[in-house]
Amino acid sequence: RAVARYEACATSVAFLRQRGRRGRAGADFAVRERALLDALWHLRDLARPALEHAARATAPPPVPVPV
């Protein structure tokens, strides 16, 4: 659940910032952004193990370097 909430907050920040770049975020942009970033900050320790595992599981294999 923490990972789902973390991902939802991160997605909301991305959409909010996209609306901000287009001039459509509204007057409360900074307040909403700060609230979402605070939520991400508080969820980071709960979500970190699952996110690190997912990053390792989906990362492309390393490319061998010729000697």
PDB file of N, CA and C in Angstrom:
ATOM      1  N   ARG A   1       0.812  -1.203   0.000  1.00  0.00           N
ATOM      2  CA  ARG A   1       0.000   0.000   0.000  1.00  0.00           C
ATOM      3  C   ARG A   1       0.848   1.256   0.000  1.00  0.00           C
ATOM      4  N   ALA A   2       1.962   1.213   0.735  1.00  0.00           N
ATOM      5  CA  ALA A   2       2.837   2.392   0.778  1.00  0.00           C
ATOM      6  C   ALA A   2       3.401   2.687  -0.606  1.00  0.00           C
ATOM      7  N   VAL A   3       3.757   1.639  -1.326  1.00  0.00           N
ATOM      8  CA  VAL A   3       4.301   1.838  -2.676  1.00  0.00           C
ATOM      9  C   VAL A   3       3.227   2.418  -3.590  1.00  0.00           C
ATOM     10  N   ALA A   4       2.016   1.924  -3.483  1.00  0.00           N
ATOM     11  CA  ALA A   4       0.925   2.451  -4.313  1.00  0.00           C
ATOM     12  C   ALA A   4       0.670   3.918  -3.988  1.00  0.00           C
ATOM     13  N   ARG A   5       0.683   4.277  -2.704  1.00  0.00           N
ATOM     14  CA  ARG A   5       0.488   5.683  -2.326  1.00  0.00           C
ATOM     15  C   ARG A   5       1.652   6.532  -2.812  1.00  0.00           C
ATOM     16  N   TYR A   6       2.876   6.000  -2.696  1.00  0.00           N
ATOM     17  CA  TYR A   6       4.060   6.722  -3.161  1.00  0.00           C
ATOM     18  C   TYR A   6       3.959   6.980  -4.667  1.00  0.00           C
ATOM     19  N   GLU A   7       3.621   5.941  -5.414  1.00  0.00           N
ATOM     20  CA  GLU A   7       3.491   6.085  -6.871  1.00  0.00           C
ATOM     21  C   GLU A   7       2.373   7.057  -7.237  1.00  0.00           C
ATOM     22  N   ALA A   8       1.271   7.011  -6.503  1.00  0.00           N
ATOM     23  CA  ALA A   8       0.161   7.928  -6.775  1.00  0.00           C
ATOM     24  C   ALA A   8       0.583   9.375  -6.521  1.00  0.00           C
ATOM     25  N   CYS A   9       1.319   9.609  -5.437  1.00  0.00           N
ATOM     26  CA  CYS A   9       1.796  10.968  -5.147  1.00  0.00           C
ATOM     27  C   CYS A   9       2.791  11.431  -6.206  1.00  0.00           C
ATOM     28  N   ALA A  10       3.703  10.550  -6.596  1.00  0.00           N
ATOM     29  CA  ALA A  10       4.689  10.919  -7.615  1.00  0.00           C
ATOM     30  C   ALA A  10       4.003  11.240  -8.940  1.00  0.00           C
ATOM     31  N   THR A  11       3.004  10.455  -9.290  1.00  0.00           N
ATOM     32  CA  THR A  11       2.257  10.712 -10.522  1.00  0.00           C
ATOM     33  C   THR A  11       1.500  12.029 -10.428  1.00  0.00           C
ATOM     34  N   SER A  12       0.915  12.292  -9.273  1.00  0.00           N
ATOM     35  CA  SER A  12       0.189  13.553  -9.082  1.00  0.00           C
ATOM     36  C   SER A  12       1.115  14.753  -9.192  1.00  0.00           C
ATOM     37  N   VAL A  13       2.331  14.635  -8.637  1.00  0.00           N
ATOM     38  CA  VAL A  13       3.309  15.725  -8.761  1.00  0.00           C
ATOM     39  C   VAL A  13       3.641  15.957 -10.234  1.00  0.00           C
ATOM     40  N   ALA A  14       3.853  14.874 -10.963  1.00  0.00           N
ATOM     41  CA  ALA A  14       4.198  15.002 -12.383  1.00  0.00           C
ATOM     42  C   ALA A  14       3.077  15.686 -13.164  1.00  0.00           C
ATOM     43  N   PHE A  15       1.840  15.273 -12.931  1.00  0.00           N
ATOM     44  CA  PHE A  15       0.714  15.896 -13.636  1.00  0.00           C
ATOM     45  C   PHE A  15       0.530  17.347 -13.215  1.00  0.00           C
ATOM     46  N   LEU A  16       0.687  17.630 -11.930  1.00  0.00           N
ATOM     47  CA  LEU A  16       0.560  19.006 -11.446  1.00  0.00           C
ATOM     48  C   LEU A  16       1.616  19.896 -12.087  1.00  0.00           C
ATOM     49  N   ARG A  17       2.849  19.409 -12.139  1.00  0.00           N
ATOM     50  CA  ARG A  17       3.921  20.201 -12.753  1.00  0.00           C
ATOM     51  C   ARG A  17       3.685  20.382 -14.250  1.00  0.00           C
ATOM     52  N   GLN A  18       3.141  19.376 -14.895  1.00  0.00           N
ATOM     53  CA  GLN A  18       2.823  19.509 -16.319  1.00  0.00           C
ATOM     54  C   GLN A  18       1.773  20.601 -16.515  1.00  0.00           C
ATOM     55  N   ARG A  19       0.738  20.594 -15.671  1.00  0.00           N
ATOM     56  CA  ARG A  19      -0.270  21.655 -15.758  1.00  0.00           C
ATOM     57  C   ARG A  19       0.349  23.011 -15.447  1.00  0.00           C
ATOM     58  N   GLY A  20       1.296  23.045 -14.510  1.00  0.00           N
ATOM     59  CA  GLY A  20       1.970  24.296 -14.180  1.00  0.00           C
ATOM     60  C   GLY A  20       2.758  24.852 -15.349  1.00  0.00           C
ATOM     61  N   ARG A  21       3.453  23.979 -16.072  1.00  0.00           N
ATOM     62  CA  ARG A  21       4.210  24.429 -17.244  1.00  0.00           C
ATOM     63  C   ARG A  21       3.293  24.991 -18.321  1.00  0.00           C
ATOM     64  N   ARG A  22       2.079  24.476 -18.373  1.00  0.00           N
ATOM     65  CA  ARG A  22       1.115  24.946 -19.374  1.00  0.00           C
ATOM     66  C   ARG A  22       0.292  26.138 -18.878  1.00  0.00           C
ATOM     67  N   GLY A  23       0.552  26.555 -17.631  1.00  0.00           N
ATOM     68  CA  GLY A  23      -0.188  27.680 -17.073  1.00  0.00           C
ATOM     69  C   GLY A  23      -1.592  27.335 -16.624  1.00  0.00           C
ATOM     70  N   ARG A  24      -1.832  26.065 -16.313  1.00  0.00           N
ATOM     71  CA  ARG A  24      -3.178  25.610 -15.943  1.00  0.00           C
ATOM     72  C   ARG A  24      -3.252  25.021 -14.542  1.00  0.00           C
ATOM     73  N   ALA A  25      -2.274  25.290 -13.700  1.00  0.00           N
ATOM     74  CA  ALA A  25      -2.231  24.634 -12.396  1.00  0.00           C
ATOM     75  C   ALA A  25      -3.072  25.332 -11.341  1.00  0.00           C
ATOM     76  N   GLY A  26      -3.399  26.571 -11.523  1.00  0.00           N
ATOM     77  CA  GLY A  26      -4.202  27.274 -10.531  1.00  0.00           C
ATOM     78  C   GLY A  26      -3.346  28.011  -9.521  1.00  0.00           C
ATOM     79  N   ALA A  27      -4.003  28.839  -8.735  1.00  0.00           N
ATOM     80  CA  ALA A  27      -3.303  29.695  -7.781  1.00  0.00           C
ATOM     81  C   ALA A  27      -2.688  28.917  -6.626  1.00  0.00           C
ATOM     82  N   ASP A  28      -3.214  27.737  -6.341  1.00  0.00           N
ATOM     83  CA  ASP A  28      -2.705  26.961  -5.205  1.00  0.00           C
ATOM     84  C   ASP A  28      -1.635  25.951  -5.619  1.00  0.00           C
ATOM     85  N   PHE A  29      -0.997  26.171  -6.748  1.00  0.00           N
ATOM     86  CA  PHE A  29       0.016  25.245  -7.263  1.00  0.00           C
ATOM     87  C   PHE A  29       1.084  24.930  -6.220  1.00  0.00           C
ATOM     88  N   ALA A  30       1.682  25.967  -5.636  1.00  0.00           N
ATOM     89  CA  ALA A  30       2.790  25.763  -4.693  1.00  0.00           C
ATOM     90  C   ALA A  30       2.337  24.996  -3.457  1.00  0.00           C
ATOM     91  N   VAL A  31       1.153  25.293  -2.972  1.00  0.00           N
ATOM     92  CA  VAL A  31       0.630  24.603  -1.785  1.00  0.00           C
ATOM     93  C   VAL A  31       0.386  23.132  -2.098  1.00  0.00           C
ATOM     94  N   ARG A  32      -0.225  22.856  -3.228  1.00  0.00           N
ATOM     95  CA  ARG A  32      -0.497  21.471  -3.612  1.00  0.00           C
ATOM     96  C   ARG A  32       0.794  20.705  -3.868  1.00  0.00           C
ATOM     97  N   GLU A  33       1.752  21.356  -4.545  1.00  0.00           N
ATOM     98  CA  GLU A  33       3.028  20.700  -4.806  1.00  0.00           C
ATOM     99  C   GLU A  33       3.735  20.370  -3.500  1.00  0.00           C
ATOM    100  N   ARG A  34       3.766  21.318  -2.560  1.00  0.00           N
ATOM    101  CA  ARG A  34       4.430  21.097  -1.269  1.00  0.00           C
ATOM    102  C   ARG A  34       3.773  19.947  -0.527  1.00  0.00           C
ATOM    103  N   ALA A  35       2.447  19.869  -0.533  1.00  0.00           N
ATOM    104  CA  ALA A  35       1.749  18.786   0.158  1.00  0.00           C
ATOM    105  C   ALA A  35       2.097  17.430  -0.457  1.00  0.00           C
ATOM    106  N   LEU A  36       2.151  17.367  -1.772  1.00  0.00           N
ATOM    107  CA  LEU A  36       2.503  16.109  -2.435  1.00  0.00           C
ATOM    108  C   LEU A  36       3.954  15.721  -2.167  1.00  0.00           C
ATOM    109  N   LEU A  37       4.851  16.699  -2.200  1.00  0.00           N
ATOM    110  CA  LEU A  37       6.261  16.404  -1.926  1.00  0.00           C
ATOM    111  C   LEU A  37       6.460  15.972  -0.476  1.00  0.00           C
ATOM    112  N   ASP A  38       5.725  16.578   0.447  1.00  0.00           N
ATOM    113  CA  ASP A  38       5.790  16.147   1.847  1.00  0.00           C
ATOM    114  C   ASP A  38       5.313  14.704   1.994  1.00  0.00           C
ATOM    115  N   ALA A  39       4.242  14.355   1.297  1.00  0.00           N
ATOM    116  CA  ALA A  39       3.740  12.980   1.348  1.00  0.00           C
ATOM    117  C   ALA A  39       4.780  12.006   0.798  1.00  0.00           C
ATOM    118  N   LEU A  40       5.431  12.366  -0.303  1.00  0.00           N
ATOM    119  CA  LEU A  40       6.496  11.515  -0.854  1.00  0.00           C
ATOM    120  C   LEU A  40       7.622  11.337   0.148  1.00  0.00           C
ATOM    121  N   TRP A  41       7.993  12.421   0.813  1.00  0.00           N
ATOM    122  CA  TRP A  41       9.087  12.378   1.779  1.00  0.00           C
ATOM    123  C   TRP A  41       8.752  11.430   2.925  1.00  0.00           C
ATOM    124  N   HIS A  42       7.514  11.460   3.398  1.00  0.00           N
ATOM    125  CA  HIS A  42       7.119  10.606   4.520  1.00  0.00           C
ATOM    126  C   HIS A  42       6.962   9.145   4.105  1.00  0.00           C
ATOM    127  N   LEU A  43       6.645   8.895   2.866  1.00  0.00           N
ATOM    128  CA  LEU A  43       6.442   7.521   2.396  1.00  0.00           C
ATOM    129  C   LEU A  43       7.722   6.864   1.895  1.00  0.00           C
ATOM    130  N   ARG A  44       8.782   7.624   1.732  1.00  0.00           N
ATOM    131  CA  ARG A  44       9.977   7.104   1.062  1.00  0.00           C
ATOM    132  C   ARG A  44      10.573   5.896   1.773  1.00  0.00           C
ATOM    133  N   ASP A  45      10.656   5.913   3.108  1.00  0.00           N
ATOM    134  CA  ASP A  45      11.270   4.794   3.820  1.00  0.00           C
ATOM    135  C   ASP A  45      10.414   3.530   3.742  1.00  0.00           C
ATOM    136  N   LEU A  46       9.099   3.695   3.728  1.00  0.00           N
ATOM    137  CA  LEU A  46       8.222   2.528   3.607  1.00  0.00           C
ATOM    138  C   LEU A  46       8.271   1.928   2.209  1.00  0.00           C
ATOM    139  N   ALA A  47       8.377   2.775   1.212  1.00  0.00           N
ATOM    140  CA  ALA A  47       8.336   2.310  -0.174  1.00  0.00           C
ATOM    141  C   ALA A  47       9.699   1.892  -0.710  1.00  0.00           C
ATOM    142  N   ARG A  48      10.782   2.346  -0.089  1.00  0.00           N
ATOM    143  CA  ARG A  48      12.126   2.125  -0.633  1.00  0.00           C
ATOM    144  C   ARG A  48      12.452   0.661  -0.932  1.00  0.00           C
ATOM    145  N   PRO A  49      12.255  -0.287  -0.002  1.00  0.00           N
ATOM    146  CA  PRO A  49      12.637  -1.674  -0.321  1.00  0.00           C
ATOM    147  C   PRO A  49      11.941  -2.224  -1.569  1.00  0.00           C
ATOM    148  N   ALA A  50      10.658  -1.981  -1.697  1.00  0.00           N
ATOM    149  CA  ALA A  50       9.934  -2.496  -2.865  1.00  0.00           C
ATOM    150  C   ALA A  50      10.373  -1.792  -4.141  1.00  0.00           C
ATOM    151  N   LEU A  51      10.607  -0.492  -4.061  1.00  0.00           N
ATOM    152  CA  LEU A  51      11.041   0.244  -5.247  1.00  0.00           C
ATOM    153  C   LEU A  51      12.448  -0.165  -5.676  1.00  0.00           C
ATOM    154  N   GLU A  52      13.344  -0.395  -4.707  1.00  0.00           N
ATOM    155  CA  GLU A  52      14.697  -0.849  -5.051  1.00  0.00           C
ATOM    156  C   GLU A  52      14.654  -2.233  -5.689  1.00  0.00           C
ATOM    157  N   HIS A  53      13.821  -3.109  -5.151  1.00  0.00           N
ATOM    158  CA  HIS A  53      13.694  -4.448  -5.731  1.00  0.00           C
ATOM    159  C   HIS A  53      13.176  -4.358  -7.165  1.00  0.00           C
ATOM    160  N   ALA A  54      12.160  -3.541  -7.375  1.00  0.00           N
ATOM    161  CA  ALA A  54      11.603  -3.388  -8.722  1.00  0.00           C
ATOM    162  C   ALA A  54      12.636  -2.804  -9.677  1.00  0.00           C
ATOM    163  N   ALA A  55      13.435  -1.864  -9.196  1.00  0.00           N
ATOM    164  CA  ALA A  55      14.462  -1.264 -10.054  1.00  0.00           C
ATOM    165  C   ALA A  55      15.501  -2.307 -10.463  1.00  0.00           C
ATOM    166  N   ARG A  56      15.914  -3.150  -9.511  1.00  0.00           N
ATOM    167  CA  ARG A  56      16.892  -4.200  -9.833  1.00  0.00           C
ATOM    168  C   ARG A  56      16.292  -5.243 -10.769  1.00  0.00           C
ATOM    169  N   ALA A  57      15.036  -5.578 -10.546  1.00  0.00           N
ATOM    170  CA  ALA A  57      14.396  -6.631 -11.342  1.00  0.00           C
ATOM    171  C   ALA A  57      14.145  -6.190 -12.782  1.00  0.00           C
ATOM    172  N   THR A  58      13.963  -4.908 -13.002  1.00  0.00           N
ATOM    173  CA  THR A  58      13.636  -4.431 -14.346  1.00  0.00           C
ATOM    174  C   THR A  58      14.807  -3.758 -15.049  1.00  0.00           C
ATOM    175  N   ALA A  59      15.931  -3.637 -14.366  1.00  0.00           N
ATOM    176  CA  ALA A  59      17.097  -2.991 -14.979  1.00  0.00           C
ATOM    177  C   ALA A  59      17.656  -3.878 -16.087  1.00  0.00           C
ATOM    178  N   PRO A  60      18.125  -3.272 -17.162  1.00  0.00           N
ATOM    179  CA  PRO A  60      18.743  -4.077 -18.218  1.00  0.00           C
ATOM    180  C   PRO A  60      20.049  -4.684 -17.709  1.00  0.00           C
ATOM    181  N   PRO A  61      20.431  -5.837 -18.237  1.00  0.00           N
ATOM    182  CA  PRO A  61      21.685  -6.448 -17.795  1.00  0.00           C
ATOM    183  C   PRO A  61      22.869  -5.555 -18.172  1.00  0.00           C
ATOM    184  N   PRO A  62      23.924  -5.601 -17.369  1.00  0.00           N
ATOM    185  CA  PRO A  62      25.091  -4.775 -17.689  1.00  0.00           C
ATOM    186  C   PRO A  62      25.735  -5.210 -19.003  1.00  0.00           C
ATOM    187  N   VAL A  63      26.250  -4.254 -19.710  1.00  0.00           N
ATOM    188  CA  VAL A  63      26.918  -4.519 -20.981  1.00  0.00           C
ATOM    189  C   VAL A  63      28.383  -4.830 -20.686  1.00  0.00           C
ATOM    190  N   PRO A  64      28.886  -5.979 -21.157  1.00  0.00           N
ATOM    191  CA  PRO A  64      30.292  -6.299 -20.901  1.00  0.00           C
ATOM    192  C   PRO A  64      31.217  -5.303 -21.610  1.00  0.00           C
ATOM    193  N   VAL A  65      32.256  -4.941 -20.917  1.00  0.00           N
ATOM    194  CA  VAL A  65      33.236  -4.001 -21.470  1.00  0.00           C
ATOM    195  C   VAL A  65      34.375  -4.816 -22.072  1.00  0.00           C
ATOM    196  N   PRO A  66      34.690  -4.615 -23.350  1.00  0.00           N
ATOM    197  CA  PRO A  66      35.800  -5.364 -23.950  1.00  0.00           C
ATOM    198  C   PRO A  66      37.124  -4.966 -23.299  1.00  0.00           C
ATOM    199  N   VAL A  67      37.966  -5.948 -23.149  1.00  0.00           N
ATOM    200  CA  VAL A  67      39.268  -5.701 -22.510  1.00  0.00           C
ATOM    201  C   VAL A  67      40.339  -5.490 -23.535  1.00  0.00           C
TER     202      VAL A  67
END
